[in-house]
Amino acid sequence: MGAMRSLRKLGRMVQIGMPAGDHATMTLPWDVVYAGQLAIYGTRGMPCHRSPSLLNLIQGGHVDLTPLIARRISLSQASDELAAFDGPTPPGVAAITDFTC
């Protein structure tokens, strides 16, 4: 898998969704996993047709996402936030709340 081969040493990969069709069975490059000391996580995800109902719940105020938000940043800070992924990052997510440049 190209995604695994693109990881740095001690990298993490999250596979979202279930492979199907010709990709239902995958052969993993175990030499890459072992040598890179990689972590692989899998999650089944959610079917795309369910997204509108989930977004409607959030928009209607029925789901409170504020406990997940650790930092509120401006759009101009987004590049710095992404660059921080190269090192250890604090828990929680950053939410862009100011879209002015």
PDB file of N, CA and C in Angstrom:
ATOM      1  N   MET A   1       0.828  -1.183   0.000  1.00  0.00           N
ATOM      2  CA  MET A   1       0.000   0.000   0.000  1.00  0.00           C
ATOM      3  C   MET A   1       0.872   1.246   0.000  1.00  0.00           C
ATOM      4  N   GLY A   2       0.548   2.153  -0.882  1.00  0.00           N
ATOM      5  CA  GLY A   2       1.293   3.398  -0.983  1.00  0.00           C
ATOM      6  C   GLY A   2       1.205   4.243   0.267  1.00  0.00           C
ATOM      7  N   ALA A   3       0.046   4.215   0.931  1.00  0.00           N
ATOM      8  CA  ALA A   3      -0.127   5.025   2.140  1.00  0.00           C
ATOM      9  C   ALA A   3       0.874   4.615   3.212  1.00  0.00           C
ATOM     10  N   MET A   4       1.079   3.316   3.387  1.00  0.00           N
ATOM     11  CA  MET A   4       2.036   2.844   4.402  1.00  0.00           C
ATOM     12  C   MET A   4       3.458   3.204   4.033  1.00  0.00           C
ATOM     13  N   ARG A   5       3.771   3.079   2.764  1.00  0.00           N
ATOM     14  CA  ARG A   5       5.134   3.375   2.317  1.00  0.00           C
ATOM     15  C   ARG A   5       5.461   4.861   2.424  1.00  0.00           C
ATOM     16  N   SER A   6       4.449   5.714   2.537  1.00  0.00           N
ATOM     17  CA  SER A   6       4.688   7.151   2.638  1.00  0.00           C
ATOM     18  C   SER A   6       4.915   7.615   4.080  1.00  0.00           C
ATOM     19  N   LEU A   7       4.713   6.722   5.044  1.00  0.00           N
ATOM     20  CA  LEU A   7       4.851   7.102   6.449  1.00  0.00           C
ATOM     21  C   LEU A   7       6.306   7.183   6.889  1.00  0.00           C
ATOM     22  N   ARG A   8       6.570   8.065   7.829  1.00  0.00           N
ATOM     23  CA  ARG A   8       7.884   8.114   8.475  1.00  0.00           C
ATOM     24  C   ARG A   8       7.977   7.000   9.507  1.00  0.00           C
ATOM     25  N   LYS A   9       9.173   6.821  10.033  1.00  0.00           N
ATOM     26  CA  LYS A   9       9.360   5.873  11.113  1.00  0.00           C
ATOM     27  C   LYS A   9       8.449   6.276  12.269  1.00  0.00           C
ATOM     28  N   LEU A  10       7.819   5.293  12.903  1.00  0.00           N
ATOM     29  CA  LEU A  10       6.869   5.449  13.992  1.00  0.00           C
ATOM     30  C   LEU A  10       5.564   6.122  13.538  1.00  0.00           C
ATOM     31  N   GLY A  11       5.307   6.113  12.222  1.00  0.00           N
ATOM     32  CA  GLY A  11       4.100   6.727  11.686  1.00  0.00           C
ATOM     33  C   GLY A  11       2.856   5.922  12.011  1.00  0.00           C
ATOM     34  N   ARG A  12       1.713   6.586  11.840  1.00  0.00           N
ATOM     35  CA  ARG A  12       0.412   5.961  12.088  1.00  0.00           C
ATOM     36  C   ARG A  12      -0.453   6.106  10.848  1.00  0.00           C
ATOM     37  N   MET A  13      -1.185   5.063  10.533  1.00  0.00           N
ATOM     38  CA  MET A  13      -2.116   5.112   9.415  1.00  0.00           C
ATOM     39  C   MET A  13      -3.488   4.678   9.910  1.00  0.00           C
ATOM     40  N   VAL A  14      -4.517   5.430   9.525  1.00  0.00           N
ATOM     41  CA  VAL A  14      -5.884   5.072   9.855  1.00  0.00           C
ATOM     42  C   VAL A  14      -6.592   4.731   8.549  1.00  0.00           C
ATOM     43  N   GLN A  15      -7.055   3.513   8.441  1.00  0.00           N
ATOM     44  CA  GLN A  15      -7.823   3.074   7.275  1.00  0.00           C
ATOM     45  C   GLN A  15      -9.288   3.250   7.615  1.00  0.00           C
ATOM     46  N   ILE A  16      -9.943   4.176   6.914  1.00  0.00           N
ATOM     47  CA  ILE A  16     -11.356   4.439   7.173  1.00  0.00           C
ATOM     48  C   ILE A  16     -12.180   3.775   6.081  1.00  0.00           C
ATOM     49  N   GLY A  17     -13.148   3.013   6.484  1.00  0.00           N
ATOM     50  CA  GLY A  17     -14.011   2.340   5.527  1.00  0.00           C
ATOM     51  C   GLY A  17     -13.532   0.942   5.217  1.00  0.00           C
ATOM     52  N   MET A  18     -14.428   0.186   4.671  1.00  0.00           N
ATOM     53  CA  MET A  18     -14.161  -1.220   4.373  1.00  0.00           C
ATOM     54  C   MET A  18     -13.787  -1.362   2.903  1.00  0.00           C
ATOM     55  N   PRO A  19     -12.638  -1.956   2.615  1.00  0.00           N
ATOM     56  CA  PRO A  19     -12.304  -2.208   1.209  1.00  0.00           C
ATOM     57  C   PRO A  19     -13.334  -3.143   0.580  1.00  0.00           C
ATOM     58  N   ALA A  20     -13.620  -2.918  -0.681  1.00  0.00           N
ATOM     59  CA  ALA A  20     -14.639  -3.731  -1.361  1.00  0.00           C
ATOM     60  C   ALA A  20     -14.172  -4.089  -2.763  1.00  0.00           C
ATOM     61  N   GLY A  21     -14.909  -4.962  -3.400  1.00  0.00           N
ATOM     62  CA  GLY A  21     -14.627  -5.347  -4.780  1.00  0.00           C
ATOM     63  C   GLY A  21     -13.248  -5.964  -4.922  1.00  0.00           C
ATOM     64  N   ASP A  22     -12.497  -5.475  -5.907  1.00  0.00           N
ATOM     65  CA  ASP A  22     -11.149  -6.003  -6.165  1.00  0.00           C
ATOM     66  C   ASP A  22     -10.183  -5.733  -5.018  1.00  0.00           C
ATOM     67  N   HIS A  23     -10.533  -4.812  -4.116  1.00  0.00           N
ATOM     68  CA  HIS A  23      -9.643  -4.441  -3.016  1.00  0.00           C
ATOM     69  C   HIS A  23     -10.070  -5.048  -1.681  1.00  0.00           C
ATOM     70  N   ALA A  24     -11.037  -5.964  -1.708  1.00  0.00           N
ATOM     71  CA  ALA A  24     -11.556  -6.540  -0.469  1.00  0.00           C
ATOM     72  C   ALA A  24     -10.491  -7.309   0.301  1.00  0.00           C
ATOM     73  N   THR A  25      -9.539  -7.894  -0.395  1.00  0.00           N
ATOM     74  CA  THR A  25      -8.433  -8.606   0.247  1.00  0.00           C
ATOM     75  C   THR A  25      -7.156  -7.835  -0.042  1.00  0.00           C
ATOM     76  N   MET A  26      -6.470  -7.460   1.029  1.00  0.00           N
ATOM     77  CA  MET A  26      -5.240  -6.680   0.859  1.00  0.00           C
ATOM     78  C   MET A  26      -4.049  -7.450   1.412  1.00  0.00           C
ATOM     79  N   THR A  27      -2.940  -7.297   0.747  1.00  0.00           N
ATOM     80  CA  THR A  27      -1.674  -7.826   1.235  1.00  0.00           C
ATOM     81  C   THR A  27      -0.893  -6.643   1.787  1.00  0.00           C
ATOM     82  N   LEU A  28      -0.537  -6.721   3.042  1.00  0.00           N
ATOM     83  CA  LEU A  28       0.190  -5.617   3.671  1.00  0.00           C
ATOM     84  C   LEU A  28       1.697  -5.822   3.541  1.00  0.00           C
ATOM     85  N   PRO A  29       2.447  -4.741   3.324  1.00  0.00           N
ATOM     86  CA  PRO A  29       3.911  -4.846   3.240  1.00  0.00           C
ATOM     87  C   PRO A  29       4.508  -4.930   4.651  1.00  0.00           C
ATOM     88  N   TRP A  30       4.512  -6.131   5.196  1.00  0.00           N
ATOM     89  CA  TRP A  30       4.937  -6.307   6.590  1.00  0.00           C
ATOM     90  C   TRP A  30       6.375  -5.881   6.819  1.00  0.00           C
ATOM     91  N   ASP A  31       7.228  -5.955   5.796  1.00  0.00           N
ATOM     92  CA  ASP A  31       8.596  -5.475   5.967  1.00  0.00           C
ATOM     93  C   ASP A  31       8.609  -3.979   6.246  1.00  0.00           C
ATOM     94  N   VAL A  32       7.723  -3.228   5.588  1.00  0.00           N
ATOM     95  CA  VAL A  32       7.618  -1.779   5.798  1.00  0.00           C
ATOM     96  C   VAL A  32       7.060  -1.488   7.190  1.00  0.00           C
ATOM     97  N   VAL A  33       6.044  -2.251   7.603  1.00  0.00           N
ATOM     98  CA  VAL A  33       5.443  -2.074   8.924  1.00  0.00           C
ATOM     99  C   VAL A  33       6.480  -2.342  10.008  1.00  0.00           C
ATOM    100  N   TYR A  34       7.186  -3.435   9.879  1.00  0.00           N
ATOM    101  CA  TYR A  34       8.167  -3.821  10.891  1.00  0.00           C
ATOM    102  C   TYR A  34       9.342  -2.845  10.927  1.00  0.00           C
ATOM    103  N   ALA A  35       9.935  -2.576   9.787  1.00  0.00           N
ATOM    104  CA  ALA A  35      11.113  -1.707   9.746  1.00  0.00           C
ATOM    105  C   ALA A  35      10.784  -0.279  10.172  1.00  0.00           C
ATOM    106  N   GLY A  36       9.584   0.184   9.834  1.00  0.00           N
ATOM    107  CA  GLY A  36       9.204   1.546  10.179  1.00  0.00           C
ATOM    108  C   GLY A  36       8.547   1.681  11.537  1.00  0.00           C
ATOM    109  N   GLN A  37       8.339   0.540  12.220  1.00  0.00           N
ATOM    110  CA  GLN A  37       7.666   0.528  13.511  1.00  0.00           C
ATOM    111  C   GLN A  37       6.334   1.279  13.412  1.00  0.00           C
ATOM    112  N   LEU A  38       5.555   0.935  12.382  1.00  0.00           N
ATOM    113  CA  LEU A  38       4.323   1.643  12.073  1.00  0.00           C
ATOM    114  C   LEU A  38       3.146   1.118  12.892  1.00  0.00           C
ATOM    115  N   ALA A  39       2.171   1.965  13.098  1.00  0.00           N
ATOM    116  CA  ALA A  39       0.923   1.592  13.750  1.00  0.00           C
ATOM    117  C   ALA A  39      -0.185   1.715  12.707  1.00  0.00           C
ATOM    118  N   ILE A  40      -1.011   0.688  12.608  1.00  0.00           N
ATOM    119  CA  ILE A  40      -2.105   0.672  11.642  1.00  0.00           C
ATOM    120  C   ILE A  40      -3.411   0.532  12.412  1.00  0.00           C
ATOM    121  N   TYR A  41      -4.331   1.453  12.158  1.00  0.00           N
ATOM    122  CA  TYR A  41      -5.636   1.433  12.804  1.00  0.00           C
ATOM    123  C   TYR A  41      -6.710   1.309  11.730  1.00  0.00           C
ATOM    124  N   GLY A  42      -7.756   0.626  12.040  1.00  0.00           N
ATOM    125  CA  GLY A  42      -8.853   0.493  11.096  1.00  0.00           C
ATOM    126  C   GLY A  42     -10.169   0.884  11.735  1.00  0.00           C
ATOM    127  N   THR A  43     -11.021   1.493  10.950  1.00  0.00           N
ATOM    128  CA  THR A  43     -12.351   1.838  11.408  1.00  0.00           C
ATOM    129  C   THR A  43     -13.318   1.659  10.255  1.00  0.00           C
ATOM    130  N   ARG A  44     -14.514   1.267  10.565  1.00  0.00           N
ATOM    131  CA  ARG A  44     -15.485   0.991   9.516  1.00  0.00           C
ATOM    132  C   ARG A  44     -16.074   2.257   8.922  1.00  0.00           C
ATOM    133  N   GLY A  45     -16.007   3.355   9.615  1.00  0.00           N
ATOM    134  CA  GLY A  45     -16.536   4.596   9.068  1.00  0.00           C
ATOM    135  C   GLY A  45     -18.058   4.606   9.030  1.00  0.00           C
ATOM    136  N   MET A  46     -18.578   5.472   8.209  1.00  0.00           N
ATOM    137  CA  MET A  46     -20.017   5.646   8.091  1.00  0.00           C
ATOM    138  C   MET A  46     -20.347   5.783   6.613  1.00  0.00           C
ATOM    139  N   PRO A  47     -21.418   5.149   6.142  1.00  0.00           N
ATOM    140  CA  PRO A  47     -21.771   5.290   4.724  1.00  0.00           C
ATOM    141  C   PRO A  47     -22.080   6.747   4.380  1.00  0.00           C
ATOM    142  N   CYS A  48     -21.693   7.166   3.190  1.00  0.00           N
ATOM    143  CA  CYS A  48     -21.873   8.557   2.757  1.00  0.00           C
ATOM    144  C   CYS A  48     -23.321   9.014   2.827  1.00  0.00           C
ATOM    145  N   HIS A  49     -24.258   8.126   2.555  1.00  0.00           N
ATOM    146  CA  HIS A  49     -25.665   8.554   2.546  1.00  0.00           C
ATOM    147  C   HIS A  49     -26.167   8.960   3.927  1.00  0.00           C
ATOM    148  N   ARG A  50     -25.399   8.656   4.993  1.00  0.00           N
ATOM    149  CA  ARG A  50     -25.780   9.034   6.358  1.00  0.00           C
ATOM    150  C   ARG A  50     -25.256  10.416   6.744  1.00  0.00           C
ATOM    151  N   SER A  51     -24.329  10.970   5.980  1.00  0.00           N
ATOM    152  CA  SER A  51     -23.719  12.258   6.331  1.00  0.00           C
ATOM    153  C   SER A  51     -24.734  13.391   6.469  1.00  0.00           C
ATOM    154  N   PRO A  52     -25.682  13.566   5.545  1.00  0.00           N
ATOM    155  CA  PRO A  52     -26.627  14.681   5.710  1.00  0.00           C
ATOM    156  C   PRO A  52     -27.389  14.646   7.036  1.00  0.00           C
ATOM    157  N   SER A  53     -27.828  13.462   7.463  1.00  0.00           N
ATOM    158  CA  SER A  53     -28.568  13.397   8.730  1.00  0.00           C
ATOM    159  C   SER A  53     -27.667  13.734   9.914  1.00  0.00           C
ATOM    160  N   LEU A  54     -26.407  13.312   9.870  1.00  0.00           N
ATOM    161  CA  LEU A  54     -25.472  13.652  10.939  1.00  0.00           C
ATOM    162  C   LEU A  54     -25.215  15.160  10.965  1.00  0.00           C
ATOM    163  N   LEU A  55     -24.976  15.740   9.800  1.00  0.00           N
ATOM    164  CA  LEU A  55     -24.722  17.177   9.742  1.00  0.00           C
ATOM    165  C   LEU A  55     -25.950  17.968  10.179  1.00  0.00           C
ATOM    166  N   ASN A  56     -27.141  17.481   9.877  1.00  0.00           N
ATOM    167  CA  ASN A  56     -28.362  18.144  10.336  1.00  0.00           C
ATOM    168  C   ASN A  56     -28.483  18.107  11.859  1.00  0.00           C
ATOM    169  N   LEU A  57     -28.079  16.995  12.468  1.00  0.00           N
ATOM    170  CA  LEU A  57     -28.091  16.920  13.936  1.00  0.00           C
ATOM    171  C   LEU A  57     -27.151  17.951  14.544  1.00  0.00           C
ATOM    172  N   ILE A  58     -25.959  18.079  13.954  1.00  0.00           N
ATOM    173  CA  ILE A  58     -24.979  19.050  14.456  1.00  0.00           C
ATOM    174  C   ILE A  58     -25.507  20.466  14.255  1.00  0.00           C
ATOM    175  N   GLN A  59     -25.988  20.754  13.058  1.00  0.00           N
ATOM    176  CA  GLN A  59     -26.484  22.093  12.748  1.00  0.00           C
ATOM    177  C   GLN A  59     -27.673  22.460  13.633  1.00  0.00           C
ATOM    178  N   GLY A  60     -28.518  21.508  13.948  1.00  0.00           N
ATOM    179  CA  GLY A  60     -29.679  21.760  14.787  1.00  0.00           C
ATOM    180  C   GLY A  60     -29.365  21.862  16.267  1.00  0.00           C
ATOM    181  N   GLY A  61     -28.088  21.692  16.639  1.00  0.00           N
ATOM    182  CA  GLY A  61     -27.704  21.803  18.044  1.00  0.00           C
ATOM    183  C   GLY A  61     -27.996  20.570  18.876  1.00  0.00           C
ATOM    184  N   HIS A  62     -28.258  19.436  18.226  1.00  0.00           N
ATOM    185  CA  HIS A  62     -28.568  18.198  18.951  1.00  0.00           C
ATOM    186  C   HIS A  62     -27.318  17.411  19.354  1.00  0.00           C
ATOM    187  N   VAL A  63     -26.181  17.779  18.782  1.00  0.00           N
ATOM    188  CA  VAL A  63     -24.909  17.133  19.115  1.00  0.00           C
ATOM    189  C   VAL A  63     -23.933  18.238  19.492  1.00  0.00           C
ATOM    190  N   ASP A  64     -23.381  18.164  20.695  1.00  0.00           N
ATOM    191  CA  ASP A  64     -22.450  19.179  21.174  1.00  0.00           C
ATOM    192  C   ASP A  64     -21.022  18.718  20.907  1.00  0.00           C
ATOM    193  N   LEU A  65     -20.354  19.388  19.972  1.00  0.00           N
ATOM    194  CA  LEU A  65     -18.976  19.035  19.630  1.00  0.00           C
ATOM    195  C   LEU A  65     -17.944  19.841  20.408  1.00  0.00           C
ATOM    196  N   THR A  66     -18.384  20.789  21.225  1.00  0.00           N
ATOM    197  CA  THR A  66     -17.415  21.653  21.922  1.00  0.00           C
ATOM    198  C   THR A  66     -16.433  20.895  22.818  1.00  0.00           C
ATOM    199  N   PRO A  67     -16.808  19.761  23.433  1.00  0.00           N
ATOM    200  CA  PRO A  67     -15.788  19.056  24.229  1.00  0.00           C
ATOM    201  C   PRO A  67     -14.606  18.551  23.402  1.00  0.00           C
ATOM    202  N   LEU A  68     -14.781  18.398  22.093  1.00  0.00           N
ATOM    203  CA  LEU A  68     -13.697  17.921  21.237  1.00  0.00           C
ATOM    204  C   LEU A  68     -12.732  19.033  20.844  1.00  0.00           C
ATOM    205  N   ILE A  69     -13.195  20.277  20.910  1.00  0.00           N
ATOM    206  CA  ILE A  69     -12.403  21.406  20.427  1.00  0.00           C
ATOM    207  C   ILE A  69     -11.446  21.872  21.510  1.00  0.00           C
ATOM    208  N   ALA A  70     -10.166  21.758  21.216  1.00  0.00           N
ATOM    209  CA  ALA A  70      -9.138  22.174  22.169  1.00  0.00           C
ATOM    210  C   ALA A  70      -8.614  23.573  21.869  1.00  0.00           C
ATOM    211  N   ARG A  71      -8.636  23.943  20.567  1.00  0.00           N
ATOM    212  CA  ARG A  71      -8.086  25.233  20.164  1.00  0.00           C
ATOM    213  C   ARG A  71      -8.978  25.830  19.091  1.00  0.00           C
ATOM    214  N   ARG A  72      -9.231  27.115  19.192  1.00  0.00           N
ATOM    215  CA  ARG A  72      -9.958  27.853  18.155  1.00  0.00           C
ATOM    216  C   ARG A  72      -8.933  28.741  17.466  1.00  0.00           C
ATOM    217  N   ILE A  73      -8.817  28.578  16.164  1.00  0.00           N
ATOM    218  CA  ILE A  73      -7.777  29.289  15.428  1.00  0.00           C
ATOM    219  C   ILE A  73      -8.384  30.047  14.255  1.00  0.00           C
ATOM    220  N   SER A  74      -7.579  30.947  13.698  1.00  0.00           N
ATOM    221  CA  SER A  74      -8.001  31.664  12.496  1.00  0.00           C
ATOM    222  C   SER A  74      -7.519  30.905  11.270  1.00  0.00           C
ATOM    223  N   LEU A  75      -8.098  31.237  10.136  1.00  0.00           N
ATOM    224  CA  LEU A  75      -7.699  30.592   8.886  1.00  0.00           C
ATOM    225  C   LEU A  75      -6.214  30.800   8.615  1.00  0.00           C
ATOM    226  N   SER A  76      -5.695  31.958   8.977  1.00  0.00           N
ATOM    227  CA  SER A  76      -4.265  32.227   8.741  1.00  0.00           C
ATOM    228  C   SER A  76      -3.357  31.355   9.616  1.00  0.00           C
ATOM    229  N   GLN A  77      -3.886  30.739  10.663  1.00  0.00           N
ATOM    230  CA  GLN A  77      -3.092  29.858  11.535  1.00  0.00           C
ATOM    231  C   GLN A  77      -3.166  28.386  11.107  1.00  0.00           C
ATOM    232  N   ALA A  78      -3.960  28.080  10.093  1.00  0.00           N
ATOM    233  CA  ALA A  78      -4.168  26.683   9.696  1.00  0.00           C
ATOM    234  C   ALA A  78      -2.874  26.007   9.264  1.00  0.00           C
ATOM    235  N   SER A  79      -2.022  26.710   8.525  1.00  0.00           N
ATOM    236  CA  SER A  79      -0.749  26.110   8.078  1.00  0.00           C
ATOM    237  C   SER A  79       0.132  25.739   9.267  1.00  0.00           C
ATOM    238  N   ASP A  80       0.172  26.601  10.276  1.00  0.00           N
ATOM    239  CA  ASP A  80       0.967  26.297  11.474  1.00  0.00           C
ATOM    240  C   ASP A  80       0.409  25.081  12.206  1.00  0.00           C
ATOM    241  N   GLU A  81      -0.906  24.977  12.242  1.00  0.00           N
ATOM    242  CA  GLU A  81      -1.543  23.845  12.910  1.00  0.00           C
ATOM    243  C   GLU A  81      -1.204  22.537  12.188  1.00  0.00           C
ATOM    244  N   LEU A  82      -1.235  22.544  10.857  1.00  0.00           N
ATOM    245  CA  LEU A  82      -0.878  21.359  10.081  1.00  0.00           C
ATOM    246  C   LEU A  82       0.601  21.018  10.238  1.00  0.00           C
ATOM    247  N   ALA A  83       1.458  22.030  10.266  1.00  0.00           N
ATOM    248  CA  ALA A  83       2.898  21.793  10.439  1.00  0.00           C
ATOM    249  C   ALA A  83       3.192  21.159  11.796  1.00  0.00           C
ATOM    250  N   ALA A  84       2.371  21.438  12.785  1.00  0.00           N
ATOM    251  CA  ALA A  84       2.576  20.864  14.127  1.00  0.00           C
ATOM    252  C   ALA A  84       2.385  19.360  14.132  1.00  0.00           C
ATOM    253  N   PHE A  85       1.730  18.802  13.094  1.00  0.00           N
ATOM    254  CA  PHE A  85       1.558  17.351  13.013  1.00  0.00           C
ATOM    255  C   PHE A  85       2.889  16.626  12.885  1.00  0.00           C
ATOM    256  N   ASP A  86       3.957  17.334  12.540  1.00  0.00           N
ATOM    257  CA  ASP A  86       5.273  16.705  12.412  1.00  0.00           C
ATOM    258  C   ASP A  86       5.876  16.361  13.767  1.00  0.00           C
ATOM    259  N   GLY A  87       5.293  16.817  14.829  1.00  0.00           N
ATOM    260  CA  GLY A  87       5.796  16.527  16.174  1.00  0.00           C
ATOM    261  C   GLY A  87       4.642  16.095  17.061  1.00  0.00           C
ATOM    262  N   PRO A  88       4.926  15.940  18.344  1.00  0.00           N
ATOM    263  CA  PRO A  88       3.841  15.576  19.260  1.00  0.00           C
ATOM    264  C   PRO A  88       2.835  16.720  19.343  1.00  0.00           C
ATOM    265  N   THR A  89       1.575  16.387  19.321  1.00  0.00           N
ATOM    266  CA  THR A  89       0.531  17.408  19.375  1.00  0.00           C
ATOM    267  C   THR A  89      -0.348  17.175  20.596  1.00  0.00           C
ATOM    268  N   PRO A  90      -0.885  18.254  21.141  1.00  0.00           N
ATOM    269  CA  PRO A  90      -1.776  18.091  22.303  1.00  0.00           C
ATOM    270  C   PRO A  90      -3.080  17.436  21.886  1.00  0.00           C
ATOM    271  N   PRO A  91      -3.790  16.839  22.826  1.00  0.00           N
ATOM    272  CA  PRO A  91      -5.064  16.186  22.484  1.00  0.00           C
ATOM    273  C   PRO A  91      -6.113  17.212  22.053  1.00  0.00           C
ATOM    274  N   GLY A  92      -7.116  16.738  21.379  1.00  0.00           N
ATOM    275  CA  GLY A  92      -8.194  17.602  20.912  1.00  0.00           C
ATOM    276  C   GLY A  92      -7.942  18.079  19.507  1.00  0.00           C
ATOM    277  N   VAL A  93      -8.924  18.775  18.968  1.00  0.00           N
ATOM    278  CA  VAL A  93      -8.822  19.266  17.602  1.00  0.00           C
ATOM    279  C   VAL A  93      -8.831  20.779  17.600  1.00  0.00           C
ATOM    280  N   ALA A  94      -8.251  21.330  16.537  1.00  0.00           N
ATOM    281  CA  ALA A  94      -8.300  22.762  16.330  1.00  0.00           C
ATOM    282  C   ALA A  94      -9.457  23.049  15.378  1.00  0.00           C
ATOM    283  N   ALA A  95     -10.257  24.021  15.711  1.00  0.00           N
ATOM    284  CA  ALA A  95     -11.390  24.413  14.867  1.00  0.00           C
ATOM    285  C   ALA A  95     -11.124  25.808  14.333  1.00  0.00           C
ATOM    286  N   ILE A  96     -11.254  25.953  13.016  1.00  0.00           N
ATOM    287  CA  ILE A  96     -11.107  27.282  12.407  1.00  0.00           C
ATOM    288  C   ILE A  96     -12.420  28.014  12.629  1.00  0.00           C
ATOM    289  N   THR A  97     -12.354  29.091  13.410  1.00  0.00           N
ATOM    290  CA  THR A  97     -13.557  29.862  13.723  1.00  0.00           C
ATOM    291  C   THR A  97     -13.491  31.284  13.148  1.00  0.00           C
ATOM    292  N   ASP A  98     -12.332  31.667  12.677  1.00  0.00           N
ATOM    293  CA  ASP A  98     -12.165  33.004  12.086  1.00  0.00           C
ATOM    294  C   ASP A  98     -11.664  32.802  10.659  1.00  0.00           C
ATOM    295  N   PHE A  99     -12.500  33.117   9.682  1.00  0.00           N
ATOM    296  CA  PHE A  99     -12.159  32.850   8.294  1.00  0.00           C
ATOM    297  C   PHE A  99     -11.644  34.083   7.561  1.00  0.00           C
ATOM    298  N   THR A 100     -11.335  35.146   8.289  1.00  0.00           N
ATOM    299  CA  THR A 100     -10.743  36.331   7.643  1.00  0.00           C
ATOM    300  C   THR A 100      -9.261  36.106   7.458  1.00  0.00           C
ATOM    301  N   CYS A 101      -8.720  36.663   6.382  1.00  0.00           N
ATOM    302  CA  CYS A 101      -7.294  36.476   6.093  1.00  0.00           C
ATOM    303  C   CYS A 101      -6.454  37.577   6.675  1.00  0.00           C
TER     304      CYS A 101
END
